[in-house]
Amino acid sequence: MNGKDVQLTKRHWQPPLAIRHAAAAVALGLLLGFLGPFRTGTALAPALRYAFWLGLVLFGYGCVLAAERIVRRPAAGAAHLLAVTIVSAIPQTFATSWALSVVQPDRALSPLHLAALFGPVAVVQLGLALAASRLTATTQPGAPPRPIEAAVPFLERVPARLGRELIALEAEDHYLRVHTALGSELILARLSDAVAQLDGYDGLQVHRSWWVAADAVSGLVVQDGRLALQLRNGLTAPVSRTHRTAVRARDWPRF
């Protein structure tokens, strides 16, 4: 068995991203159940404390993944993380309020208490958002190394502030939105010309308006019955029928 076969075997046996997200949520729930933060260690019996935190963390982690879909165009990594935290903390605050009323029926929660609850909830959601972000952004085993810049002419057209780590290219009329790990910006270019100048850079045109870098893909998703690619910066790139075969041949994992 050669090195390529070993790499493919490792990718084949890697758990789907959805399972890894679920495992991370359960692990974090158990950890918080053990630690008993925010006075739950003394206020709740052990069995009830673990159930309380497992339920909240699973729901909160789901809120984070949903917020990742809502916050689609981050200006920067920190801004994106903050936005996901705030968006996911809103429904989680109401869920936490309801959970507290179940485990502590004599506890009165007024609108003022609900507002005060948002801060601690946001702290937990920040931790969940960090975990989800790190997990999603993890490069799949066997991903090819980045090409040498000099061999990729298109990189000279990317604004310096965006760096050279491409995520995707998105056609917008006569312009091209360049997405990198540091942000995005419009440049005057055609997607077809950009793809031609990216020869040697591992990526794939997946739609008439989209090109994606291979190691920026975190998984395949289905939206409204149509195949799409989830990218590690939170973007979702549609896959057209014309390019579906080439995408499936890449062996990217499915959520």
Protein backbone atom coordinates (compact mmCIF):
# COMPACT_ATOMS: atom_id res chain seq x y z
CA MET A 1 0.00 0.00 0.00
CA ASN A 2 1.52 3.35 -1.05
CA GLY A 3 1.31 6.70 0.79
CA LYS A 4 -1.70 7.86 -1.22
CA ASP A 5 -3.64 4.71 -0.32
CA VAL A 6 -2.85 5.27 3.38
CA GLN A 7 -4.13 8.85 3.16
CA LEU A 8 -7.36 7.74 1.48
CA THR A 9 -7.88 5.04 4.11
CA LYS A 10 -7.50 7.58 6.90
CA ARG A 11 -10.03 9.88 5.29
CA HIS A 12 -12.43 7.02 4.68
CA TRP A 13 -12.46 6.03 8.36
CA GLN A 14 -12.69 9.56 9.74
CA PRO A 15 -16.07 10.09 11.47
CA PRO A 16 -18.46 12.49 9.70
CA LEU A 17 -18.31 16.07 10.93
CA ALA A 18 -21.84 15.82 12.40
CA ILE A 19 -20.72 12.96 14.66
CA ARG A 20 -17.62 14.88 15.73
CA HIS A 21 -19.75 17.92 16.56
CA ALA A 22 -22.12 15.74 18.62
CA ALA A 23 -19.22 14.09 20.44
CA ALA A 24 -17.70 17.49 21.23
CA ALA A 25 -21.04 18.77 22.59
CA VAL A 26 -21.49 15.71 24.82
CA ALA A 27 -17.90 15.99 26.10
CA LEU A 28 -18.35 19.68 26.91
CA GLY A 29 -21.67 18.97 28.61
CA LEU A 30 -20.10 16.30 30.80
CA LEU A 31 -17.20 18.61 31.65
CA LEU A 32 -19.53 21.43 32.74
CA GLY A 33 -21.63 18.90 34.65
CA PHE A 34 -18.51 17.85 36.52
CA LEU A 35 -17.31 21.40 37.17
CA GLY A 36 -20.75 22.75 38.12
CA PRO A 37 -20.13 26.42 37.15
CA PHE A 38 -22.43 29.32 38.05
CA ARG A 39 -23.24 27.73 41.43
CA THR A 40 -24.89 24.67 39.86
CA GLY A 41 -22.38 22.50 41.70
CA THR A 42 -24.03 23.31 45.03
CA ALA A 43 -27.57 24.08 43.88
CA LEU A 44 -28.21 20.86 41.96
CA ALA A 45 -27.79 17.18 42.82
CA PRO A 46 -25.11 15.42 40.71
CA ALA A 47 -27.51 13.49 38.43
CA LEU A 48 -29.66 16.57 37.86
CA ARG A 49 -26.58 18.73 37.31
CA TYR A 50 -25.22 16.46 34.57
CA ALA A 51 -28.63 16.26 32.88
CA PHE A 52 -28.99 20.05 33.13
CA TRP A 53 -25.65 20.78 31.48
CA LEU A 54 -25.85 18.04 28.87
CA GLY A 55 -29.22 19.27 27.69
CA LEU A 56 -28.20 22.92 27.64
CA VAL A 57 -24.88 22.30 25.91
CA LEU A 58 -26.45 20.12 23.21
CA PHE A 59 -29.06 22.79 22.52
CA GLY A 60 -26.48 25.59 22.75
CA TYR A 61 -24.11 23.80 20.39
CA GLY A 62 -26.97 23.44 17.93
CA CYS A 63 -27.61 27.19 18.27
CA VAL A 64 -23.95 27.82 17.43
CA LEU A 65 -24.10 25.68 14.28
CA ALA A 66 -27.30 27.45 13.23
CA ALA A 67 -25.71 30.84 13.90
CA GLU A 68 -22.77 29.82 11.70
CA ARG A 69 -25.26 29.55 8.81
CA ILE A 70 -26.79 32.95 9.62
CA VAL A 71 -23.48 34.82 9.98
CA ARG A 72 -22.29 34.09 6.46
CA ARG A 73 -19.97 36.98 5.63
CA PRO A 74 -17.52 37.59 8.50
CA ALA A 75 -15.35 40.72 8.25
CA ALA A 76 -12.65 39.00 10.32
CA GLY A 77 -12.21 35.89 12.42
CA ALA A 78 -12.80 37.61 15.78
CA ALA A 79 -15.81 39.55 14.49
CA HIS A 80 -17.32 36.36 13.10
CA LEU A 81 -16.82 34.54 16.40
CA LEU A 82 -18.38 37.41 18.35
CA ALA A 83 -21.38 37.54 16.01
CA VAL A 84 -21.95 33.78 16.29
CA THR A 85 -21.70 34.02 20.08
CA ILE A 86 -24.26 36.82 20.34
CA VAL A 87 -26.71 35.32 17.84
CA SER A 88 -26.58 31.87 19.45
CA ALA A 89 -26.82 33.28 22.99
CA ILE A 90 -30.25 34.82 22.34
CA PRO A 91 -32.25 31.55 22.01
CA GLN A 92 -29.95 29.87 24.52
CA THR A 93 -30.84 32.49 27.16
CA PHE A 94 -34.53 31.60 26.87
CA ALA A 95 -33.71 27.88 26.92
CA THR A 96 -31.60 28.33 30.05
CA SER A 97 -34.36 30.33 31.70
CA TRP A 98 -36.83 27.53 31.00
CA ALA A 99 -34.39 24.85 32.24
CA LEU A 100 -33.83 26.75 35.48
CA SER A 101 -37.58 26.98 36.04
CA VAL A 102 -37.79 23.18 35.67
CA VAL A 103 -34.95 22.27 38.04
CA GLN A 104 -35.72 25.09 40.50
CA PRO A 105 -39.51 25.62 40.44
CA ASP A 106 -39.38 28.10 43.33
CA ARG A 107 -36.98 30.39 41.46
CA ALA A 108 -38.70 33.44 39.97
CA LEU A 109 -37.23 34.73 36.71
CA SER A 110 -38.31 38.26 35.83
CA PRO A 111 -37.36 40.12 32.61
CA LEU A 112 -34.54 41.73 34.62
CA HIS A 113 -33.21 38.31 35.61
CA LEU A 114 -33.49 37.21 31.99
CA ALA A 115 -31.30 40.15 30.90
CA ALA A 116 -28.78 39.35 33.64
CA LEU A 117 -28.72 35.73 32.48
CA PHE A 118 -27.56 36.72 28.99
CA GLY A 119 -23.98 37.44 30.14
CA PRO A 120 -23.22 34.03 31.69
CA VAL A 121 -24.97 32.31 28.79
CA ALA A 122 -22.85 34.26 26.29
CA VAL A 123 -19.67 33.13 28.10
CA VAL A 124 -20.68 29.47 27.66
CA GLN A 125 -21.72 30.09 24.05
CA LEU A 126 -18.34 31.65 23.33
CA GLY A 127 -16.67 28.45 24.49
CA LEU A 128 -19.01 26.36 22.35
CA ALA A 129 -18.43 28.63 19.34
CA LEU A 130 -14.66 28.28 19.75
CA ALA A 131 -14.95 24.49 19.93
CA ALA A 132 -17.22 24.31 16.88
CA SER A 133 -15.01 26.69 14.91
CA ARG A 134 -11.84 24.75 15.67
CA LEU A 135 -13.50 21.47 14.81
CA THR A 136 -14.93 22.75 11.53
CA ALA A 137 -11.69 24.43 10.51
CA THR A 138 -9.56 21.35 11.09
CA THR A 139 -7.95 20.39 7.80
CA GLN A 140 -8.84 16.91 6.64
CA PRO A 141 -5.97 14.36 6.82
CA GLY A 142 -4.13 13.97 3.57
CA ALA A 143 -4.90 17.49 2.35
CA PRO A 144 -2.29 18.54 -0.21
CA PRO A 145 0.23 21.23 0.76
CA ARG A 146 -0.23 24.82 -0.37
CA PRO A 147 1.34 25.59 -3.76
CA ILE A 148 4.25 27.96 -4.18
CA GLU A 149 2.94 31.52 -4.69
CA ALA A 150 5.16 32.20 -7.65
CA ALA A 151 3.46 29.40 -9.59
CA VAL A 152 -0.03 30.90 -9.11
CA PRO A 153 -0.39 34.19 -11.04
CA PHE A 154 -3.85 34.99 -9.66
CA LEU A 155 -2.47 35.44 -6.12
CA GLU A 156 -0.74 38.62 -7.32
CA ARG A 157 -4.19 40.14 -7.86
CA VAL A 158 -5.37 39.43 -4.32
CA PRO A 159 -5.17 42.53 -2.08
CA ALA A 160 -2.23 42.20 0.30
CA ARG A 161 -4.40 42.70 3.40
CA LEU A 162 -6.26 39.47 2.58
CA GLY A 163 -3.14 37.35 2.67
CA ARG A 164 -2.65 34.40 0.33
CA GLU A 165 -4.79 31.68 1.94
CA LEU A 166 -7.71 31.40 -0.47
CA ILE A 167 -11.07 30.09 0.70
CA ALA A 168 -13.28 30.72 -2.33
CA LEU A 169 -13.97 32.98 -5.31
CA GLU A 170 -17.53 34.21 -5.90
CA ALA A 171 -18.62 35.91 -9.14
CA GLU A 172 -20.79 39.03 -8.68
CA ASP A 173 -21.75 40.57 -12.06
CA HIS A 174 -18.48 41.81 -13.61
CA TYR A 175 -16.66 41.56 -10.31
CA LEU A 176 -15.13 38.75 -8.31
CA ARG A 177 -15.38 38.50 -4.53
CA VAL A 178 -12.20 36.98 -3.16
CA HIS A 179 -12.69 35.14 0.14
CA THR A 180 -9.59 34.37 2.18
CA ALA A 181 -8.90 33.35 5.76
CA LEU A 182 -8.56 37.06 6.63
CA GLY A 183 -11.73 38.42 5.00
CA SER A 184 -13.17 39.21 1.58
CA GLU A 185 -13.04 41.96 -1.05
CA LEU A 186 -14.35 42.65 -4.56
CA ILE A 187 -11.91 42.93 -7.45
CA LEU A 188 -12.53 43.58 -11.13
CA ALA A 189 -12.12 40.16 -12.74
CA ARG A 190 -13.98 37.30 -14.38
CA LEU A 191 -14.22 33.93 -12.69
CA SER A 192 -13.14 32.09 -15.84
CA ASP A 193 -9.94 34.16 -16.05
CA ALA A 194 -9.25 33.65 -12.34
CA VAL A 195 -9.67 29.87 -12.59
CA ALA A 196 -7.24 29.80 -15.52
CA GLN A 197 -4.69 31.77 -13.48
CA LEU A 198 -5.13 29.39 -10.52
CA ASP A 199 -3.68 26.44 -12.40
CA GLY A 200 -1.51 24.61 -9.87
CA TYR A 201 -3.55 25.74 -6.85
CA ASP A 202 -5.60 22.84 -5.46
CA GLY A 203 -9.21 23.90 -5.88
CA LEU A 204 -12.32 23.26 -7.91
CA GLN A 205 -14.97 25.26 -9.74
CA VAL A 206 -18.24 23.96 -8.26
CA HIS A 207 -20.72 26.36 -9.85
CA ARG A 208 -20.74 28.88 -12.67
CA SER A 209 -20.28 31.56 -9.97
CA TRP A 210 -18.08 29.71 -7.44
CA TRP A 211 -14.57 28.30 -7.14
CA VAL A 212 -13.41 26.82 -3.80
CA ALA A 213 -10.02 25.89 -2.39
CA ALA A 214 -9.87 22.16 -1.66
CA ASP A 215 -8.65 22.41 1.93
CA ALA A 216 -11.24 25.10 2.76
CA VAL A 217 -14.08 22.57 2.48
CA SER A 218 -15.30 21.16 5.79
CA GLY A 219 -18.11 19.01 4.39
CA LEU A 220 -21.00 18.46 2.00
CA VAL A 221 -24.50 19.63 2.91
CA VAL A 222 -27.90 19.49 1.25
CA GLN A 223 -29.95 22.72 1.23
CA ASP A 224 -33.46 22.67 -0.21
CA GLY A 225 -32.63 19.43 -1.97
CA ARG A 226 -29.49 20.85 -3.58
CA LEU A 227 -25.89 19.90 -2.89
CA ALA A 228 -23.62 22.56 -1.37
CA LEU A 229 -20.19 22.83 0.22
CA GLN A 230 -19.73 24.08 3.78
CA LEU A 231 -16.52 26.08 3.99
CA ARG A 232 -14.41 26.48 7.13
CA ASN A 233 -15.03 30.25 7.38
CA GLY A 234 -18.82 29.77 7.55
CA LEU A 235 -19.65 30.30 3.88
CA THR A 236 -21.76 27.84 1.91
CA ALA A 237 -20.95 27.37 -1.79
CA PRO A 238 -23.65 25.91 -4.07
CA VAL A 239 -22.80 22.96 -6.31
CA SER A 240 -24.37 22.90 -9.77
CA ARG A 241 -25.40 19.70 -11.52
CA THR A 242 -22.63 20.23 -14.07
CA HIS A 243 -19.95 20.04 -11.35
CA ARG A 244 -21.63 17.52 -9.02
CA THR A 245 -19.64 14.52 -10.30
CA ALA A 246 -16.31 16.30 -9.85
CA VAL A 247 -17.31 17.37 -6.32
CA ARG A 248 -18.33 13.86 -5.27
CA ALA A 249 -15.07 12.50 -6.65
CA ARG A 250 -13.21 14.66 -4.10
CA ASP A 251 -14.43 12.44 -1.25
CA TRP A 252 -15.27 15.38 0.99
CA PRO A 253 -17.14 14.24 4.13
CA ARG A 254 -20.89 14.75 4.51
CA PHE A 255 -22.48 16.40 7.55
